[in-house]
Amino acid sequence: MLRTLLLLLIISGLSCSPSTGYSQNKLTPDAFEAMLKSDSTVQLVDVRTPGELQSGYIAGAQNLNIQEADFAKKINQLDKNRPVMVYCAVGGRSAKAASQFSSLGFTKVYDLKGGITAWKSAGKAMGY
C-alpha cells in the first residue's frame, strides 16, 4: 500500500510538469521498477547498441539503438498514447532519446536516472 502511494505521488508530481517540450522525467531505479511493475501498458526501450545488451538488460525491454539512422522511424512505430520508459548505460543517450520521443508527440516519457549502471548497482533484476 505504501509503495502504491509513493508511486502515485511520483507520477502526480511528474504530471505537473509543463506539457510543452520534454521535461526531465528522470526516475530512480526504485521508482522506475515500481512503475514497470504497476503499469502493464509501459513500452520499455533500451537505446544502447546490440553489443551492450550482452552485459545485461531489463527484462521486457525492446532494443532501439539510438545510434542507428532509422531511430526516429522506429520510435514512430510505438504507441504515442502509452507510457515510454527509456534507459541506456549511464543516462546520456536515454536523455537524448527521451527528448526525441517527446518531440515526436509522446506525452508520457520516463528516463532511468543513471541508466543500467544505476539499475545494477541497486541490485535490480537483470536479463541476459
Protein backbone atom coordinates (compact mmCIF):
# COMPACT_ATOMS: atom_id res chain seq x y z
CA MET A 1 0.00 0.00 0.00
CA LEU A 2 2.82 2.40 0.91
CA ARG A 3 4.62 1.55 -2.34
CA THR A 4 1.48 2.30 -4.38
CA LEU A 5 1.04 5.62 -2.59
CA LEU A 6 4.68 6.52 -3.24
CA LEU A 7 4.30 5.67 -6.93
CA LEU A 8 1.16 7.80 -7.20
CA LEU A 9 2.95 10.74 -5.60
CA ILE A 10 5.86 10.40 -8.01
CA ILE A 11 3.60 10.16 -11.04
CA SER A 12 1.40 13.06 -9.94
CA GLY A 13 4.49 15.19 -9.40
CA LEU A 14 5.73 14.35 -12.88
CA SER A 15 2.39 15.11 -14.44
CA CYS A 16 2.55 18.65 -13.05
CA SER A 17 5.50 19.48 -15.26
CA PRO A 18 4.97 21.72 -18.29
CA SER A 19 3.42 19.98 -21.28
CA THR A 20 5.42 21.92 -23.84
CA GLY A 21 8.72 20.29 -24.72
CA TYR A 22 10.42 17.50 -22.84
CA SER A 23 10.59 17.89 -19.10
CA GLN A 24 13.18 15.77 -17.37
CA ASN A 25 11.09 12.86 -16.08
CA LYS A 26 14.02 11.02 -14.57
CA LEU A 27 13.20 8.16 -12.20
CA THR A 28 15.45 6.46 -9.70
CA PRO A 29 15.89 2.70 -10.12
CA ASP A 30 13.34 2.09 -7.34
CA ALA A 31 10.71 4.37 -8.90
CA PHE A 32 11.46 3.00 -12.38
CA GLU A 33 10.99 -0.57 -11.15
CA ALA A 34 7.78 0.33 -9.29
CA MET A 35 6.31 1.91 -12.40
CA LEU A 36 7.27 -1.08 -14.54
CA LYS A 37 5.54 -3.41 -12.09
CA SER A 38 2.42 -1.29 -11.70
CA ASP A 39 1.71 -0.34 -15.33
CA SER A 40 1.38 -3.15 -17.88
CA THR A 41 0.97 -0.66 -20.74
CA VAL A 42 4.55 0.65 -20.48
CA GLN A 43 6.78 0.43 -23.52
CA LEU A 44 10.28 -0.25 -22.17
CA VAL A 45 13.06 0.81 -24.55
CA ASP A 46 16.79 0.14 -24.24
CA VAL A 47 18.60 2.62 -26.52
CA ARG A 48 22.06 1.02 -26.26
CA THR A 49 23.85 -0.85 -29.04
CA PRO A 50 23.13 -4.56 -29.54
CA GLY A 51 26.65 -5.35 -28.30
CA GLU A 52 25.97 -3.59 -25.00
CA LEU A 53 22.94 -5.81 -24.38
CA GLN A 54 25.30 -8.73 -23.77
CA SER A 55 26.22 -7.18 -20.42
CA GLY A 56 22.58 -7.38 -19.35
CA TYR A 57 19.29 -5.58 -19.82
CA ILE A 58 15.99 -5.02 -18.05
CA ALA A 59 13.61 -7.89 -18.81
CA GLY A 60 10.92 -6.97 -21.31
CA ALA A 61 12.91 -4.17 -22.95
CA GLN A 62 12.99 -3.75 -26.69
CA ASN A 63 16.23 -2.56 -28.19
CA LEU A 64 16.09 0.56 -30.37
CA ASN A 65 19.68 1.62 -30.93
CA ILE A 66 19.78 5.43 -30.79
CA GLN A 67 22.91 5.41 -32.96
CA GLU A 68 21.11 3.91 -35.96
CA ALA A 69 19.97 6.19 -38.77
CA ASP A 70 16.37 4.92 -38.61
CA PHE A 71 15.95 5.50 -34.86
CA ALA A 72 13.20 8.15 -35.32
CA LYS A 73 11.36 5.88 -37.76
CA LYS A 74 11.41 3.04 -35.21
CA ILE A 75 10.18 5.39 -32.47
CA ASN A 76 7.18 6.30 -34.60
CA GLN A 77 6.17 2.62 -34.73
CA LEU A 78 5.44 2.71 -30.98
CA ASP A 79 2.11 3.79 -29.47
CA LYS A 80 2.20 7.51 -28.59
CA ASN A 81 -0.69 7.04 -26.15
CA ARG A 82 1.18 4.59 -23.93
CA PRO A 83 3.97 5.49 -21.49
CA VAL A 84 7.54 5.05 -22.70
CA MET A 85 10.38 4.25 -20.32
CA VAL A 86 13.91 4.54 -21.70
CA TYR A 87 17.39 3.72 -20.48
CA CYS A 88 20.96 3.41 -21.69
CA ALA A 89 24.27 2.75 -19.95
CA VAL A 90 24.51 5.82 -17.68
CA GLY A 91 21.83 8.25 -18.84
CA GLY A 92 23.23 10.44 -21.62
CA ARG A 93 21.79 8.67 -24.64
CA SER A 94 18.48 7.94 -22.92
CA ALA A 95 18.08 11.65 -22.11
CA LYS A 96 18.52 12.42 -25.81
CA ALA A 97 16.12 9.63 -26.73
CA ALA A 98 13.53 10.87 -24.22
CA SER A 99 13.74 14.31 -25.78
CA GLN A 100 13.21 12.78 -29.23
CA PHE A 101 10.20 10.81 -28.02
CA SER A 102 8.70 14.00 -26.64
CA SER A 103 9.36 15.98 -29.82
CA LEU A 104 7.58 13.25 -31.81
CA GLY A 105 4.41 13.58 -29.74
CA PHE A 106 4.85 11.08 -26.91
CA THR A 107 3.43 12.64 -23.76
CA LYS A 108 4.47 10.14 -21.07
CA VAL A 109 8.23 9.64 -21.29
CA TYR A 110 10.36 8.46 -18.36
CA ASP A 111 14.14 8.10 -18.21
CA LEU A 112 16.08 5.83 -15.84
CA LYS A 113 18.37 8.09 -13.82
CA GLY A 114 21.89 6.69 -14.02
CA GLY A 115 20.93 4.11 -16.65
CA ILE A 116 21.50 0.38 -16.43
CA THR A 117 24.61 1.07 -14.34
CA ALA A 118 22.46 2.53 -11.54
CA TRP A 119 19.94 -0.31 -12.01
CA LYS A 120 22.67 -2.91 -11.49
CA SER A 121 24.15 -1.01 -8.53
CA ALA A 122 20.72 -1.00 -6.88
CA GLY A 123 20.62 -4.80 -7.17
CA LYS A 124 17.67 -4.89 -9.57
CA ALA A 125 16.83 -7.98 -11.64
CA MET A 126 18.65 -8.36 -14.95
CA GLY A 127 18.02 -10.31 -18.10
CA TYR A 128 20.90 -11.87 -20.05
